[in-house]
Protein backbone atom coordinates (compact mmCIF):
# COMPACT_ATOMS: atom_id res chain seq x y z
CA UNK A 1 -72.23 -15.36 9.86
CA UNK A 2 -69.87 -12.56 8.85
CA UNK A 3 -66.27 -13.56 8.29
CA UNK A 4 -63.81 -11.72 10.50
CA UNK A 5 -61.43 -9.47 8.51
CA UNK A 6 -58.01 -11.02 7.94
CA UNK A 7 -55.03 -8.84 8.76
CA UNK A 8 -52.26 -8.97 6.19
CA UNK A 9 -48.82 -8.78 7.77
CA UNK A 10 -46.72 -6.08 6.16
CA UNK A 11 -43.30 -7.41 5.24
CA UNK A 12 -40.34 -5.35 4.14
CA UNK A 13 -38.45 -8.07 2.27
CA UNK A 14 -38.84 -6.33 -1.07
CA UNK A 15 -37.52 -3.06 0.34
CA UNK A 16 -34.45 -4.82 1.77
CA UNK A 17 -33.82 -6.66 -1.46
CA UNK A 18 -34.09 -3.48 -3.48
CA UNK A 19 -31.74 -1.66 -1.10
CA UNK A 20 -29.21 -4.48 -1.43
CA UNK A 21 -29.64 -4.52 -5.21
CA UNK A 22 -29.14 -0.78 -5.64
CA UNK A 23 -26.30 -0.79 -3.13
CA UNK A 24 -24.54 -3.63 -4.97
CA UNK A 25 -25.04 -2.06 -8.39
CA UNK A 26 -23.61 1.22 -7.14
CA UNK A 27 -20.64 -0.08 -5.17
CA UNK A 28 -19.49 -3.49 -6.42
CA UNK A 29 -18.17 -2.30 -9.82
CA UNK A 30 -16.36 0.61 -8.20
CA UNK A 31 -14.96 -1.63 -5.48
CA UNK A 32 -13.68 -4.18 -8.00
CA UNK A 33 -12.20 -1.50 -10.26
CA UNK A 34 -10.57 0.31 -7.35
CA UNK A 35 -9.09 -2.91 -5.97
CA UNK A 36 -7.60 -3.84 -9.34
CA UNK A 37 -6.18 -0.35 -9.86
CA UNK A 38 -4.63 -0.30 -6.38
CA UNK A 39 -3.10 -3.75 -6.83
CA UNK A 40 -1.63 -2.78 -10.19
CA UNK A 41 -0.42 0.53 -8.81
CA UNK A 42 1.19 -1.16 -5.81
CA UNK A 43 2.92 -3.75 -7.99
CA UNK A 44 4.09 -1.04 -10.38
CA UNK A 45 5.37 1.07 -7.49
CA UNK A 46 7.22 -1.90 -6.02
CA UNK A 47 8.86 -2.67 -9.34
CA UNK A 48 9.81 0.98 -9.68
CA UNK A 49 11.34 1.06 -6.18
CA UNK A 50 13.21 -2.20 -6.85
CA UNK A 51 14.69 -0.69 -10.02
CA UNK A 52 15.55 2.47 -8.13
CA UNK A 53 17.34 0.55 -5.38
CA UNK A 54 19.17 -1.49 -8.03
CA UNK A 55 20.38 1.74 -9.63
CA UNK A 56 21.49 3.10 -6.26
CA UNK A 57 23.42 -0.07 -5.43
CA UNK A 58 24.92 -0.12 -8.92
CA UNK A 59 26.00 3.54 -8.67
CA UNK A 60 27.59 2.91 -5.26
CA UNK A 61 29.43 -0.14 -6.57
CA UNK A 62 30.68 1.88 -9.55
CA UNK A 63 31.82 4.74 -7.32
CA UNK A 64 33.77 2.41 -5.04
CA UNK A 65 35.18 0.59 -8.06
CA UNK A 66 36.25 3.91 -9.57
CA UNK A 67 37.94 4.97 -6.34
CA UNK A 68 39.87 1.70 -6.02
CA UNK A 69 40.81 1.82 -9.69
CA UNK A 70 42.32 5.27 -9.13
CA UNK A 71 44.39 3.88 -6.27
CA UNK A 72 45.58 1.07 -8.52
CA UNK A 73 46.52 3.66 -11.13
CA UNK A 74 48.61 5.49 -8.52
CA UNK A 75 50.55 2.41 -7.43
CA UNK A 76 50.84 1.28 -11.06
CA UNK A 77 52.75 4.51 -11.77
CA UNK A 78 55.17 3.62 -8.98
CA UNK A 79 55.58 0.09 -10.40
CA UNK A 80 56.32 1.43 -13.88
CA UNK A 81 59.01 3.73 -12.48
CA UNK A 82 60.63 0.81 -10.67
CA UNK A 83 60.40 -1.26 -13.84
CA UNK A 84 62.14 1.40 -15.96
CA UNK A 85 64.64 2.75 -13.38
CA UNK A 86 65.30 -0.14 -11.02
CA UNK A 87 68.51 1.27 -9.45
CA UNK A 88 67.33 4.80 -8.48
CA UNK A 89 66.26 4.02 -4.88
CA UNK A 90 66.46 7.65 -3.73
CA UNK A 91 64.10 8.89 -6.41
CA UNK A 92 61.85 5.91 -5.79
CA UNK A 93 61.58 6.88 -2.12
CA UNK A 94 60.61 10.46 -3.01
CA UNK A 95 58.07 9.14 -5.53
CA UNK A 96 56.23 6.90 -3.07
CA UNK A 97 56.16 9.67 -0.46
CA UNK A 98 54.79 12.08 -3.02
CA UNK A 99 52.23 9.50 -4.12
CA UNK A 100 51.31 8.71 -0.51
CA UNK A 101 50.60 12.28 0.46
CA UNK A 102 48.91 13.21 -2.78
CA UNK A 103 46.25 10.53 -2.14
CA UNK A 104 44.39 11.34 1.07
CA UNK A 105 43.12 7.78 1.47
CA UNK A 106 46.53 6.10 1.15
CA UNK A 107 47.87 5.23 4.58
CA UNK A 108 50.97 3.22 3.74
CA UNK A 109 52.85 2.44 0.51
CA UNK A 110 55.54 -0.21 -0.02
CA UNK A 111 57.66 -1.45 -2.92
CA UNK A 112 58.72 -5.11 -2.76
CA UNK A 113 61.32 -6.92 -4.84
CA UNK A 114 60.80 -10.28 -6.52
CA UNK A 115 61.62 -12.09 -3.25
CA UNK A 116 58.94 -10.22 -1.33
CA UNK A 117 61.29 -7.98 0.67
CA UNK A 118 60.46 -4.31 1.09
CA UNK A 119 62.82 -2.02 -0.80
CA UNK A 120 61.14 1.14 0.43
CA UNK A 121 58.08 1.94 2.55
CA UNK A 122 56.34 5.20 3.39
CA UNK A 123 53.84 5.72 6.19
CA UNK A 124 51.49 8.64 6.63
CA UNK A 125 52.22 9.01 10.35
CA UNK A 126 55.41 7.14 11.19
CA UNK A 127 58.90 7.64 9.87
CA UNK A 128 60.23 4.44 8.30
CA UNK A 129 63.91 3.63 8.74
CA UNK A 130 65.83 1.00 6.79
CA UNK A 131 65.68 -1.27 9.82
CA UNK A 132 61.89 -1.15 9.69
CA UNK A 133 61.68 -2.72 6.28
CA UNK A 134 60.00 -6.15 6.35
CA UNK A 135 60.11 -9.44 4.58
CA UNK A 136 56.61 -9.97 3.21
CA UNK A 137 57.34 -12.97 1.04
CA UNK A 138 54.88 -15.12 2.97
CA UNK A 139 52.17 -12.48 3.18
CA UNK A 140 48.81 -13.08 1.53
CA UNK A 141 49.05 -9.94 -0.55
CA UNK A 142 52.49 -10.73 -2.02
CA UNK A 143 51.62 -14.32 -2.88
CA UNK A 144 48.38 -13.22 -4.51
CA UNK A 145 50.03 -10.43 -6.51
CA UNK A 146 52.79 -12.73 -7.79
CA UNK A 147 50.15 -15.25 -8.87
CA UNK A 148 47.28 -13.07 -10.15
CA UNK A 149 49.02 -9.72 -10.89
CA UNK A 150 46.55 -7.70 -8.76
CA UNK A 151 45.16 -8.09 -5.29
CA UNK A 152 42.55 -6.50 -3.04
CA UNK A 153 42.27 -7.77 0.52
CA UNK A 154 39.60 -7.85 3.20
CA UNK A 155 38.92 -5.01 5.59
CA UNK A 156 40.94 -5.26 8.80
CA UNK A 157 41.22 -3.10 11.89
CA UNK A 158 44.30 -1.37 13.17
CA UNK A 159 44.25 1.04 16.12
CA UNK A 160 40.43 1.05 15.94
CA UNK A 161 40.40 2.15 12.32
CA UNK A 162 39.41 0.10 9.26
CA UNK A 163 41.86 -0.51 6.39
CA UNK A 164 42.26 -2.72 3.37
CA UNK A 165 45.26 -3.57 1.21
CA UNK A 166 45.66 -3.50 -2.55
CA UNK A 167 48.65 -4.62 -4.54
CA UNK A 168 49.91 -4.78 -8.11
CA UNK A 169 52.85 -6.63 -9.62
CA UNK A 170 55.31 -5.12 -12.10
CA UNK A 171 57.20 -7.05 -14.74
CA UNK A 172 60.16 -6.65 -17.05
CA UNK A 173 59.75 -6.24 -20.80
CA UNK A 174 60.36 -10.01 -21.05
CA UNK A 175 57.38 -10.51 -18.69
CA UNK A 176 59.64 -11.44 -15.78
CA UNK A 177 58.22 -10.80 -12.31
CA UNK A 178 60.25 -7.99 -10.73
CA UNK A 179 58.23 -7.24 -7.60
CA UNK A 180 55.09 -5.57 -6.36
CA UNK A 181 53.68 -2.31 -5.01
CA UNK A 182 51.51 -2.77 -1.92
CA UNK A 183 49.26 -0.01 -0.57
CA UNK A 184 47.26 0.18 2.66
CA UNK A 185 44.09 2.28 2.22
CA UNK A 186 41.80 3.92 4.74
CA UNK A 187 38.48 2.03 4.49
CA UNK A 188 36.54 4.96 5.87
CA UNK A 189 36.16 6.15 2.29
CA UNK A 190 33.52 3.43 2.03
CA UNK A 191 31.58 5.15 4.82
CA UNK A 192 31.55 8.38 2.84
CA UNK A 193 30.18 6.63 -0.24
CA UNK A 194 27.20 5.08 1.56
CA UNK A 195 26.44 8.33 3.47
CA UNK A 196 26.23 10.31 0.24
CA UNK A 197 23.84 7.93 -1.52
CA UNK A 198 20.36 9.29 -2.27
CA UNK A 199 18.65 6.35 -0.56
CA UNK A 200 20.08 7.41 2.82
CA UNK A 201 18.36 10.78 2.43
CA UNK A 202 14.98 9.08 1.93
CA UNK A 203 14.92 7.21 5.26
CA UNK A 204 16.58 4.23 3.59
CA UNK A 205 20.06 2.86 4.14
CA UNK A 206 23.02 1.60 2.17
CA UNK A 207 25.67 -0.80 3.40
CA UNK A 208 28.71 -2.66 2.13
CA UNK A 209 29.39 -6.25 3.17
CA UNK A 210 32.34 -8.55 2.71
CA UNK A 211 32.25 -12.13 1.48
CA UNK A 212 31.31 -13.42 4.94
CA UNK A 213 28.34 -11.07 5.36
CA UNK A 214 30.17 -8.83 7.84
CA UNK A 215 29.29 -5.18 7.47
CA UNK A 216 32.26 -3.01 6.45
CA UNK A 217 30.47 0.25 5.66
CA UNK A 218 27.27 1.81 6.96
CA UNK A 219 26.00 5.28 7.80
CA UNK A 220 25.89 4.09 11.41
CA UNK A 221 29.60 3.51 12.00
CA UNK A 222 28.93 1.66 15.27
CA UNK A 223 27.65 -1.31 13.28
CA UNK A 224 30.94 -1.38 11.39
CA UNK A 225 32.98 -1.04 14.60
CA UNK A 226 31.09 -3.95 16.17
CA UNK A 227 31.76 -6.03 13.04
CA UNK A 228 28.14 -7.15 12.92
CA UNK A 229 27.45 -10.12 10.68
CA UNK A 230 24.28 -10.19 8.57
CA UNK A 231 24.89 -13.40 6.67
CA UNK A 232 21.55 -14.81 7.83
CA UNK A 233 19.50 -11.67 7.28
CA UNK A 234 17.31 -10.92 4.27
CA UNK A 235 19.01 -9.60 1.19
CA UNK A 236 22.53 -10.28 2.53
CA UNK A 237 21.77 -13.98 2.86
CA UNK A 238 20.22 -13.95 -0.61
CA UNK A 239 23.26 -12.23 -2.12
CA UNK A 240 25.70 -14.62 -0.42
CA UNK A 241 23.86 -17.71 -1.65
CA UNK A 242 23.20 -16.46 -5.18
CA UNK A 243 25.23 -17.90 -8.03
CA UNK A 244 28.58 -16.08 -8.32
CA UNK A 245 27.15 -13.56 -5.87
CA UNK A 246 25.27 -11.90 -8.65
CA UNK A 247 23.08 -8.84 -8.11
CA UNK A 248 19.76 -9.59 -6.41
CA UNK A 249 16.72 -7.40 -5.83
CA UNK A 250 13.27 -7.74 -4.30
CA UNK A 251 11.34 -7.53 -1.04
CA UNK A 252 13.07 -8.84 2.10
CA UNK A 253 13.05 -8.72 5.89
CA UNK A 254 15.78 -6.68 7.56
CA UNK A 255 17.48 -7.39 10.87
CA UNK A 256 14.57 -5.70 12.71
CA UNK A 257 11.99 -7.90 11.04
CA UNK A 258 10.70 -4.99 8.94
CA UNK A 259 9.75 -5.42 5.30
CA UNK A 260 12.21 -3.59 3.06
CA UNK A 261 12.66 -3.20 -0.68
CA UNK A 262 16.30 -3.60 -1.58
CA UNK A 263 18.94 -4.58 -4.09
CA UNK A 264 22.54 -5.73 -3.97
CA UNK A 265 25.38 -5.20 -6.41
CA UNK A 266 28.80 -6.92 -6.32
CA UNK A 267 31.83 -4.63 -6.44
CA UNK A 268 34.16 -5.51 -9.28
CA UNK A 269 37.18 -3.52 -10.37
CA UNK A 270 37.43 -3.28 -14.15
CA UNK A 271 40.74 -2.34 -15.76
CA UNK A 272 40.88 -0.96 -19.28
CA UNK A 273 37.89 -0.71 -21.58
CA UNK A 274 37.07 -4.41 -21.73
CA UNK A 275 34.97 -6.30 -19.22
CA UNK A 276 36.70 -9.65 -19.65
CA UNK A 277 37.65 -11.74 -16.67
CA UNK A 278 41.34 -11.13 -17.35
CA UNK A 279 40.85 -7.39 -16.83
CA UNK A 280 38.56 -7.55 -13.79
CA UNK A 281 39.19 -8.05 -10.09
CA UNK A 282 36.54 -9.42 -7.78
CA UNK A 283 36.60 -7.76 -4.36
CA UNK A 284 34.14 -10.25 -2.76
CA UNK A 285 32.37 -7.13 -1.47
CA UNK A 286 28.87 -6.09 -2.38
CA UNK A 287 26.69 -3.04 -1.85
CA UNK A 288 23.17 -3.30 -0.44
CA UNK A 289 20.67 -0.45 -0.81
CA UNK A 290 17.32 -0.81 0.90
CA UNK A 291 14.38 1.28 1.98
CA UNK A 292 11.47 0.35 4.30
CA UNK A 293 8.36 -0.64 2.39
CA UNK A 294 6.21 1.76 4.43
CA UNK A 295 8.40 4.62 3.21
CA UNK A 296 8.78 3.45 -0.37
CA UNK A 297 5.08 2.69 -0.74
CA UNK A 298 3.84 5.79 1.08
CA UNK A 299 2.18 7.04 -2.10
CA UNK A 300 0.38 3.71 -2.47
CA UNK A 301 -0.75 3.92 1.15
CA UNK A 302 -1.98 7.48 0.66
CA UNK A 303 -3.79 6.47 -2.51
CA UNK A 304 -5.35 3.53 -0.70
CA UNK A 305 -6.53 5.72 2.17
CA UNK A 306 -7.90 8.26 -0.30
CA UNK A 307 -9.68 5.49 -2.23
CA UNK A 308 -11.11 4.05 0.98
CA UNK A 309 -12.44 7.48 1.97
CA UNK A 310 -13.99 7.89 -1.47
CA UNK A 311 -15.41 4.39 -1.22
CA UNK A 312 -16.91 5.11 2.20
CA UNK A 313 -18.42 8.31 0.81
CA UNK A 314 -19.83 6.40 -2.13
CA UNK A 315 -21.14 3.72 0.19
CA UNK A 316 -22.96 6.36 2.22
CA UNK A 317 -24.37 7.96 -0.91
CA UNK A 318 -25.27 4.54 -2.30
CA UNK A 319 -27.17 3.68 0.89
CA UNK A 320 -29.09 6.96 0.75
CA UNK A 321 -29.88 6.58 -2.95
CA UNK A 322 -30.82 2.93 -2.46
CA UNK A 323 -33.16 3.83 0.39
CA UNK A 324 -34.76 6.63 -1.62
CA UNK A 325 -35.22 4.47 -4.72
CA UNK A 326 -36.48 1.52 -2.69
CA UNK A 327 -38.91 3.80 -0.86
CA UNK A 328 -40.10 5.27 -4.17
CA UNK A 329 -40.76 1.80 -5.56
CA UNK A 330 -42.03 0.02 -2.45
CA UNK A 331 -44.23 2.74 -0.91
CA UNK A 332 -46.84 2.65 -3.73
CA UNK A 333 -46.91 -1.14 -3.47
CA UNK A 334 -47.40 -0.89 0.30
CA UNK A 335 -50.20 1.66 -0.24
CA UNK A 336 -51.78 -0.68 -2.73
CA UNK A 337 -51.51 -3.41 -0.10
CA UNK A 338 -53.32 -1.18 2.41
CA UNK A 339 -56.09 -0.66 -0.15
CA UNK A 340 -56.38 -4.44 -0.58
CA UNK A 341 -56.68 -4.81 3.20
CA UNK A 342 -59.44 -2.18 3.27
CA UNK A 343 -61.25 -3.96 0.44
CA UNK A 344 -61.05 -7.21 2.38
CA UNK A 345 -62.63 -5.36 5.28
CA UNK A 346 -65.49 -4.28 3.00
CA UNK A 347 -64.38 -0.69 2.39
CA UNK A 348 -64.61 -0.87 -1.40
CA UNK A 349 -64.66 2.90 -1.76
CA UNK A 350 -61.26 3.28 -0.03
CA UNK A 351 -58.56 4.70 -2.31
CA UNK A 352 -55.03 5.99 -1.82
CA UNK A 353 -53.84 8.21 -4.66
CA UNK A 354 -50.74 6.68 -6.29
CA UNK A 355 -48.89 9.04 -8.63
CA UNK A 356 -45.67 7.33 -9.69
CA UNK A 357 -46.04 7.87 -13.45
CA UNK A 358 -44.98 4.31 -14.15
CA UNK A 359 -46.33 0.76 -14.32
CA UNK A 360 -47.21 0.81 -10.61
CA UNK A 361 -49.57 3.74 -11.18
CA UNK A 362 -51.14 1.83 -14.08
CA UNK A 363 -51.52 -1.23 -11.85
CA UNK A 364 -53.17 0.85 -9.12
CA UNK A 365 -55.52 2.46 -11.65
CA UNK A 366 -56.52 -0.95 -13.00
CA UNK A 367 -57.02 -2.24 -9.48
CA UNK A 368 -59.17 0.72 -8.46
CA UNK A 369 -61.20 0.42 -11.69
CA UNK A 370 -61.79 -3.26 -10.92
CA UNK A 371 -62.79 -2.29 -7.37
CA UNK A 372 -65.27 0.27 -8.73
CA UNK A 373 -66.77 -2.34 -11.04
CA UNK A 374 -66.95 -4.80 -8.17
CA UNK A 375 -68.60 -2.20 -5.96
CA UNK A 376 -71.21 -1.48 -8.66
CA UNK A 377 -71.78 -5.20 -9.19
CA UNK A 378 -72.26 -5.75 -5.46
CA UNK A 379 -74.64 -2.81 -5.37
CA UNK A 380 -76.65 -4.32 -8.22
CA UNK A 381 -76.61 -7.73 -6.55
CA UNK A 382 -77.77 -6.21 -3.29
CA UNK A 383 -80.56 -4.31 -5.05
CA UNK A 384 -81.63 -7.43 -6.94
CA UNK A 385 -81.61 -9.43 -3.75
CA UNK A 386 -83.77 -6.80 -2.08
CA UNK A 387 -86.27 -6.91 -4.95
CA UNK A 388 -86.33 -10.71 -4.89
CA UNK A 389 -86.87 -10.75 -1.15
CA UNK A 390 -89.69 -8.26 -1.47
CA UNK A 391 -91.31 -10.31 -4.24
CA UNK A 392 -90.93 -13.47 -2.24
CA UNK A 393 -92.61 -11.93 0.79
CA UNK A 394 -95.45 -10.69 -1.38
CA UNK A 395 -95.83 -14.10 -3.02
CA UNK A 396 -95.86 -15.74 0.39
CA UNK A 397 -98.67 -13.41 1.48
CA UNK A 398 -100.68 -14.23 -1.63
CA UNK A 399 -100.14 -17.96 -1.30
CA UNK A 400 -100.99 -17.94 2.38
CA UNK A 401 -104.44 -16.62 1.46
CA UNK A 402 -105.16 -19.48 -0.96
CA UNK A 403 -107.24 -22.34 0.52
CA UNK A 404 -105.74 -24.90 -1.80
CA UNK A 405 -102.38 -26.61 -1.37
CA UNK A 406 -99.67 -24.71 -3.30
CA UNK A 407 -96.26 -26.16 -4.05
CA UNK A 408 -93.83 -24.16 -6.21
CA UNK A 409 -90.59 -25.62 -7.61
CA UNK A 410 -87.69 -24.23 -9.62
CA UNK A 411 -86.86 -25.56 -13.06
CA UNK A 412 -84.95 -28.41 -11.52
CA UNK A 413 -87.91 -29.61 -9.47
CA UNK A 414 -86.64 -28.35 -6.13
CA UNK A 415 -89.32 -26.97 -3.81
CA UNK A 416 -89.12 -23.24 -3.14
CA UNK A 417 -92.68 -22.56 -1.87
CA UNK A 418 -94.75 -24.89 0.35
CA UNK A 419 -97.83 -23.35 1.98
CA UNK A 420 -99.59 -24.47 5.11
CA UNK A 421 -102.37 -26.32 3.24
CA UNK A 422 -99.66 -28.35 1.49
CA UNK A 423 -98.18 -29.09 4.93
CA UNK A 424 -101.55 -30.38 6.11
CA UNK A 425 -102.16 -32.37 2.96
CA UNK A 426 -98.73 -34.02 2.77
CA UNK A 427 -97.87 -34.18 6.42
CA UNK A 428 -94.51 -32.50 5.81
CA UNK A 429 -93.37 -29.30 7.45
CA UNK A 430 -92.22 -26.54 5.14
CA UNK A 431 -88.78 -26.35 6.74
CA UNK A 432 -88.23 -30.05 5.99
CA UNK A 433 -89.08 -29.95 2.31
CA UNK A 434 -87.65 -26.65 1.11
CA UNK A 435 -84.84 -27.37 -1.42
CA UNK A 436 -85.91 -31.02 -1.71
CA UNK A 437 -86.99 -32.50 -5.02
CA UNK A 438 -90.75 -32.61 -5.55
CA UNK A 439 -90.64 -36.39 -6.16
CA UNK A 440 -89.41 -36.89 -2.60
CA UNK A 441 -92.52 -35.21 -1.19
CA UNK A 442 -95.37 -35.80 -3.66
CA UNK A 443 -96.21 -39.10 -5.42
CA UNK A 444 -98.61 -39.35 -8.36
CA UNK A 445 -99.76 -42.82 -9.47
CA UNK A 446 -101.46 -43.97 -12.59
CA UNK A 447 -102.88 -47.31 -11.53
CA UNK A 448 -99.70 -49.11 -10.46
CA UNK A 449 -97.26 -46.77 -12.21
CA UNK A 450 -95.65 -43.84 -10.43
CA UNK A 451 -95.53 -40.79 -12.62
CA UNK A 452 -92.86 -38.10 -12.75
CA UNK A 453 -94.43 -34.99 -11.25
CA UNK A 454 -92.29 -32.59 -13.32
CA UNK A 455 -93.55 -34.22 -16.56
CA UNK A 456 -97.08 -33.41 -15.60
């Protein structure tokens, strides 16, 4: 019975594995390297923006400090005149008016005696008469000046305009307290400072806050007019809770919930060339400069998009290359598999030319050479079988003509020929004894001893 040809199912597991292998080799290193570079670049850019915002806040704090220091210098000149010429009230009045109108941000200027009573006062808009002079002995500014020499007060509103007060004491040569010079300044100068900062021209913003977190300067003046408090928001909250309200910087959430990169810087007024506590005045104000992360990190975002596009291009190229390489490797193997299937079906002469110039071509050549040898061997076997069959038929014809019983065995004693006379003599049919041992069919006795037929 001929065995039905077995169909070999063609699987593409190797092709898929090769595609994945080539794809991974081509893309994974680039993906890892690109990810690391982008992370480092983003961190570096963030640090750079944080330093930039710190510089902006520091510059703004210095500019405001410089402005206030100039105002202190102006009122200090008035105090020195009063210290040296205490009785010349008329000249003192002309001096404070001249000082008032020479400084565009001075709104009111007063000279107080040691008891806190105004000796002279000049106002930028109103005319001050002697009856308008006030007793300011219980005022916060006078008490602070008498105690600490200098004073800078919080921003307050008057006729819908923001102001703040500064004051400086003057003393005799024996260090006796003689009085103070108190000045009311227009706080809108703070608005000008934050509007002119570079960060505001880059879609960022700068603001100034007081010790309670209330905004006192911003490029959007409506926030200042509404006296909005940001003490619970992002960098303002961080600055208020930091030790000694030191400068802070980092990434925060603003009042809109947006991520911003910002920095704060306290505003301190330094007098003289030394930075000691005795020559500094803490305003309790601080500057905040911040810029949205999406603006500050735009270059990182652009680089990321560019890298993703490159990566997608490389992925596409990697897929194509992987498919081509996998096809180049797998196709000869699949063709070799087809040849094996044909051989199983008996088509030993079937060949598919495989020209890969590598080990696969050598394997195919060896396989085809083996197939040729097998085909020649099968041809020889078939020819030998045909000759044997022909000889057997001829032998059977010769034996059938012999009138004696003929039994032929192989070297092992198994019956291979059993003619009809032998059937008659033994009583066995040929079909029953073929391939049986001769001793099972024929018995030879010597008296009472059974002899081995093959030994005879």
